[in-house]
N, C-alpha and C. Protein backbone atom coordinates (compact mmCIF):
# COMPACT_ATOMS: atom_id res chain seq x y z
N UNK A 1 9.06 3.18 1.38
CA UNK A 1 9.16 3.44 -0.04
C UNK A 1 7.88 4.09 -0.56
N UNK A 2 6.72 3.50 -0.28
CA UNK A 2 5.46 4.07 -0.73
C UNK A 2 5.25 5.45 -0.11
N UNK A 3 5.71 5.60 1.10
CA UNK A 3 5.60 6.87 1.80
C UNK A 3 6.38 7.96 1.07
N UNK A 4 7.56 7.64 0.61
CA UNK A 4 8.40 8.62 -0.06
C UNK A 4 7.94 8.88 -1.49
N UNK A 5 7.58 7.84 -2.23
CA UNK A 5 7.25 8.00 -3.64
C UNK A 5 5.84 8.52 -3.88
N UNK A 6 4.89 8.13 -3.05
CA UNK A 6 3.50 8.52 -3.30
C UNK A 6 2.90 9.34 -2.17
N UNK A 7 3.70 9.73 -1.20
CA UNK A 7 3.19 10.55 -0.11
C UNK A 7 2.20 9.83 0.76
N UNK A 8 2.31 8.51 0.86
CA UNK A 8 1.40 7.73 1.70
C UNK A 8 1.63 8.06 3.17
N UNK A 9 0.55 8.00 3.94
CA UNK A 9 0.67 8.16 5.39
C UNK A 9 0.83 6.77 5.98
N UNK A 10 1.95 6.53 6.62
CA UNK A 10 2.26 5.21 7.16
C UNK A 10 2.35 5.32 8.68
N UNK A 11 1.60 4.46 9.37
CA UNK A 11 1.59 4.47 10.84
C UNK A 11 2.94 4.06 11.39
N UNK A 12 3.18 4.47 12.62
CA UNK A 12 4.41 4.09 13.31
C UNK A 12 4.42 2.57 13.50
N UNK A 13 5.60 1.97 13.58
CA UNK A 13 5.68 0.52 13.74
C UNK A 13 5.13 0.05 15.09
N UNK A 14 4.67 -1.18 15.11
CA UNK A 14 4.20 -1.81 16.33
C UNK A 14 5.37 -2.52 17.00
N UNK A 15 5.66 -2.23 18.27
CA UNK A 15 6.76 -2.92 18.93
C UNK A 15 6.47 -4.42 19.00
N UNK A 16 7.46 -5.22 18.71
CA UNK A 16 7.30 -6.66 18.71
C UNK A 16 8.64 -7.30 19.02
N UNK A 17 8.63 -8.61 19.27
CA UNK A 17 9.87 -9.34 19.51
C UNK A 17 9.71 -10.76 18.99
N UNK A 18 10.78 -11.28 18.43
CA UNK A 18 10.82 -12.66 17.93
C UNK A 18 12.01 -13.35 18.58
N UNK A 19 11.72 -14.42 19.33
CA UNK A 19 12.76 -15.13 20.08
C UNK A 19 13.56 -14.18 20.96
N UNK A 20 12.85 -13.23 21.55
CA UNK A 20 13.49 -12.29 22.45
C UNK A 20 14.23 -11.15 21.77
N UNK A 21 14.22 -11.11 20.45
CA UNK A 21 14.91 -10.05 19.71
C UNK A 21 13.89 -9.00 19.31
N UNK A 22 14.08 -7.75 19.79
CA UNK A 22 13.13 -6.71 19.42
C UNK A 22 13.15 -6.45 17.91
N UNK A 23 11.96 -6.39 17.33
CA UNK A 23 11.84 -6.13 15.89
C UNK A 23 10.54 -5.36 15.65
N UNK A 24 10.63 -4.08 15.34
CA UNK A 24 9.40 -3.32 15.08
C UNK A 24 8.71 -3.82 13.81
N UNK A 25 7.38 -3.93 13.87
CA UNK A 25 6.60 -4.36 12.70
C UNK A 25 5.94 -3.15 12.06
N UNK A 26 6.33 -2.87 10.84
CA UNK A 26 5.75 -1.77 10.06
C UNK A 26 4.56 -2.30 9.26
N UNK A 27 3.67 -1.43 8.79
CA UNK A 27 2.63 -1.88 7.87
C UNK A 27 3.27 -2.56 6.66
N UNK A 28 2.63 -3.62 6.16
CA UNK A 28 3.19 -4.38 5.05
C UNK A 28 2.56 -3.97 3.73
N UNK A 29 3.43 -3.85 2.70
CA UNK A 29 2.99 -3.51 1.35
C UNK A 29 3.70 -4.43 0.37
N UNK A 30 2.92 -5.04 -0.53
CA UNK A 30 3.48 -5.87 -1.60
C UNK A 30 3.03 -5.30 -2.94
N UNK A 31 4.00 -4.96 -3.78
CA UNK A 31 3.71 -4.39 -5.10
C UNK A 31 4.12 -5.41 -6.15
N UNK A 32 3.17 -5.81 -6.98
CA UNK A 32 3.52 -6.76 -8.05
C UNK A 32 4.29 -6.03 -9.13
N UNK A 33 5.15 -6.74 -9.85
CA UNK A 33 5.88 -6.12 -10.96
C UNK A 33 4.96 -5.56 -12.04
N UNK A 34 3.77 -6.16 -12.17
CA UNK A 34 2.82 -5.64 -13.16
C UNK A 34 2.30 -4.26 -12.75
N UNK A 35 2.15 -4.03 -11.45
CA UNK A 35 1.61 -2.76 -10.99
C UNK A 35 2.65 -1.65 -11.15
N UNK A 36 3.85 -1.89 -10.70
CA UNK A 36 4.90 -0.88 -10.79
C UNK A 36 6.23 -1.58 -11.12
N UNK A 37 6.53 -1.73 -12.41
CA UNK A 37 7.75 -2.44 -12.78
C UNK A 37 9.03 -1.71 -12.35
N UNK A 38 8.96 -0.40 -12.19
CA UNK A 38 10.08 0.40 -11.70
C UNK A 38 9.55 1.35 -10.63
N UNK A 39 10.42 1.79 -9.73
CA UNK A 39 9.98 2.63 -8.62
C UNK A 39 9.34 3.94 -9.09
N UNK A 40 9.79 4.48 -10.20
CA UNK A 40 9.22 5.73 -10.69
C UNK A 40 7.75 5.58 -11.07
N UNK A 41 7.32 4.36 -11.38
CA UNK A 41 5.92 4.12 -11.77
C UNK A 41 4.97 4.24 -10.58
N UNK A 42 5.48 4.11 -9.36
CA UNK A 42 4.62 4.20 -8.18
C UNK A 42 3.95 5.57 -8.12
N UNK A 43 4.70 6.62 -8.35
CA UNK A 43 4.14 7.98 -8.28
C UNK A 43 3.07 8.20 -9.35
N UNK A 44 3.18 7.53 -10.48
CA UNK A 44 2.19 7.67 -11.55
C UNK A 44 0.93 6.86 -11.27
N UNK A 45 1.03 5.82 -10.45
CA UNK A 45 -0.11 4.93 -10.19
C UNK A 45 -0.91 5.31 -8.95
N UNK A 46 -0.29 6.04 -8.01
CA UNK A 46 -0.97 6.40 -6.77
C UNK A 46 -0.89 7.91 -6.58
N UNK A 47 -2.05 8.55 -6.44
CA UNK A 47 -2.07 9.99 -6.23
C UNK A 47 -1.37 10.33 -4.92
N UNK A 48 -0.66 11.42 -4.92
CA UNK A 48 0.09 11.83 -3.74
C UNK A 48 -0.85 12.01 -2.55
N UNK A 49 -0.55 11.35 -1.45
CA UNK A 49 -1.34 11.44 -0.23
C UNK A 49 -2.63 10.63 -0.25
N UNK A 50 -2.85 9.80 -1.25
CA UNK A 50 -4.11 9.06 -1.39
C UNK A 50 -4.17 7.82 -0.51
N UNK A 51 -3.04 7.32 -0.03
CA UNK A 51 -3.02 6.06 0.72
C UNK A 51 -2.63 6.32 2.17
N UNK A 52 -3.39 5.69 3.09
CA UNK A 52 -3.06 5.74 4.52
C UNK A 52 -3.03 4.30 5.03
N UNK A 53 -1.93 3.94 5.69
CA UNK A 53 -1.77 2.58 6.20
C UNK A 53 -1.73 2.60 7.73
N UNK A 54 -2.62 1.81 8.35
CA UNK A 54 -2.64 1.69 9.80
C UNK A 54 -1.50 0.81 10.29
N UNK A 55 -1.31 0.72 11.60
CA UNK A 55 -0.17 -0.02 12.14
C UNK A 55 -0.17 -1.51 11.80
N UNK A 56 -1.33 -2.13 11.65
CA UNK A 56 -1.41 -3.56 11.33
C UNK A 56 -1.83 -3.80 9.89
N UNK A 57 -1.69 -2.81 9.03
CA UNK A 57 -2.17 -2.91 7.66
C UNK A 57 -1.29 -3.81 6.79
N UNK A 58 -1.96 -4.46 5.85
CA UNK A 58 -1.28 -5.22 4.80
C UNK A 58 -1.97 -4.87 3.49
N UNK A 59 -1.21 -4.32 2.54
CA UNK A 59 -1.75 -3.89 1.26
C UNK A 59 -1.01 -4.63 0.14
N UNK A 60 -1.78 -5.27 -0.75
CA UNK A 60 -1.21 -5.97 -1.90
C UNK A 60 -1.78 -5.32 -3.16
N UNK A 61 -0.91 -4.83 -4.03
CA UNK A 61 -1.33 -4.25 -5.30
C UNK A 61 -0.85 -5.17 -6.41
N UNK A 62 -1.82 -5.79 -7.11
CA UNK A 62 -1.50 -6.85 -8.06
C UNK A 62 -2.25 -6.64 -9.36
N UNK A 63 -1.62 -6.03 -10.33
CA UNK A 63 -2.24 -5.82 -11.63
C UNK A 63 -1.82 -4.50 -12.25
N UNK A 64 -1.67 -4.50 -13.55
CA UNK A 64 -1.15 -3.32 -14.26
C UNK A 64 -2.15 -2.17 -14.31
N UNK A 65 -3.44 -2.45 -14.30
CA UNK A 65 -4.44 -1.42 -14.55
C UNK A 65 -5.02 -0.78 -13.30
N UNK A 66 -4.34 -0.88 -12.17
CA UNK A 66 -4.83 -0.30 -10.93
C UNK A 66 -4.24 1.08 -10.75
N UNK A 67 -5.11 2.07 -10.55
CA UNK A 67 -4.70 3.43 -10.25
C UNK A 67 -5.41 3.86 -8.98
N UNK A 68 -4.69 4.40 -8.03
CA UNK A 68 -5.29 4.82 -6.76
C UNK A 68 -5.41 6.33 -6.77
N UNK A 69 -6.68 6.79 -6.79
CA UNK A 69 -6.95 8.22 -6.75
C UNK A 69 -7.17 8.67 -5.31
N UNK A 70 -7.65 7.76 -4.47
CA UNK A 70 -7.80 8.00 -3.05
C UNK A 70 -9.16 8.55 -2.69
N UNK A 71 -9.43 8.62 -1.42
CA UNK A 71 -8.56 8.12 -0.37
C UNK A 71 -8.69 6.60 -0.19
N UNK A 72 -7.61 5.96 0.11
CA UNK A 72 -7.59 4.53 0.42
C UNK A 72 -6.98 4.39 1.80
N UNK A 73 -7.85 4.09 2.79
CA UNK A 73 -7.44 3.98 4.18
C UNK A 73 -7.46 2.51 4.57
N UNK A 74 -6.28 1.91 4.73
CA UNK A 74 -6.17 0.48 5.02
C UNK A 74 -5.85 0.29 6.49
N UNK A 75 -6.78 -0.35 7.22
CA UNK A 75 -6.58 -0.62 8.63
C UNK A 75 -6.12 -2.04 8.87
N UNK A 76 -6.62 -2.99 8.09
CA UNK A 76 -6.23 -4.39 8.29
C UNK A 76 -5.58 -4.94 7.04
N UNK A 77 -6.37 -5.54 6.15
CA UNK A 77 -5.80 -6.20 4.97
C UNK A 77 -6.60 -5.81 3.73
N UNK A 78 -5.89 -5.50 2.66
CA UNK A 78 -6.55 -5.13 1.42
C UNK A 78 -5.73 -5.65 0.25
N UNK A 79 -6.39 -6.39 -0.64
CA UNK A 79 -5.73 -6.85 -1.87
C UNK A 79 -6.48 -6.26 -3.04
N UNK A 80 -5.77 -5.49 -3.85
CA UNK A 80 -6.37 -4.92 -5.05
C UNK A 80 -5.78 -5.63 -6.25
N UNK A 81 -6.65 -6.25 -7.04
CA UNK A 81 -6.21 -6.96 -8.24
C UNK A 81 -7.03 -6.45 -9.41
N UNK A 82 -6.36 -6.21 -10.51
CA UNK A 82 -7.04 -5.69 -11.70
C UNK A 82 -7.86 -6.78 -12.36
N UNK A 83 -9.07 -6.43 -12.73
CA UNK A 83 -9.92 -7.32 -13.53
C UNK A 83 -9.76 -6.91 -14.98
N UNK A 84 -10.64 -7.35 -15.83
CA UNK A 84 -10.57 -6.94 -17.24
C UNK A 84 -10.83 -5.45 -17.34
N UNK A 85 -9.97 -4.75 -18.01
CA UNK A 85 -10.12 -3.30 -18.16
C UNK A 85 -9.45 -2.56 -17.02
N UNK A 86 -9.57 -1.26 -17.06
CA UNK A 86 -8.91 -0.42 -16.07
C UNK A 86 -9.70 -0.40 -14.78
N UNK A 87 -8.99 -0.26 -13.68
CA UNK A 87 -9.62 -0.17 -12.36
C UNK A 87 -9.11 1.07 -11.67
N UNK A 88 -10.02 1.87 -11.14
CA UNK A 88 -9.65 3.04 -10.35
C UNK A 88 -10.19 2.83 -8.95
N UNK A 89 -9.36 3.10 -7.97
CA UNK A 89 -9.74 2.79 -6.59
C UNK A 89 -9.91 4.07 -5.79
N UNK A 90 -11.03 4.16 -5.11
CA UNK A 90 -11.27 5.22 -4.14
C UNK A 90 -12.18 4.62 -3.09
N UNK A 91 -11.59 4.08 -2.03
CA UNK A 91 -12.40 3.38 -1.03
C UNK A 91 -11.72 3.45 0.32
N UNK A 92 -12.50 3.16 1.34
CA UNK A 92 -11.97 3.03 2.69
C UNK A 92 -12.10 1.59 3.10
N UNK A 93 -11.04 1.02 3.59
CA UNK A 93 -11.04 -0.38 4.00
C UNK A 93 -10.71 -0.44 5.47
N UNK A 94 -11.61 -1.04 6.25
CA UNK A 94 -11.36 -1.14 7.69
C UNK A 94 -11.46 -2.58 8.13
């Protein structure tokens, strides 16, 4: 979804299995309703191509005032939460 709406670069899934059942694991993304109450809001909050997610990445966007201008390169885990006032993100997280 983030890949289609905001042009994020998303790594290929990691092969995995649970109880012998193959299940590819994709990078995980959690969007709070405050950040993007509707899918169309994603494109307005994240600059096209600004986000890159590694194969084991987990990204949590929690807060209405977060705007991603980029680049935001997530390799492991990143939680962005809005503090008082507006927050603009341009960082690399490894």
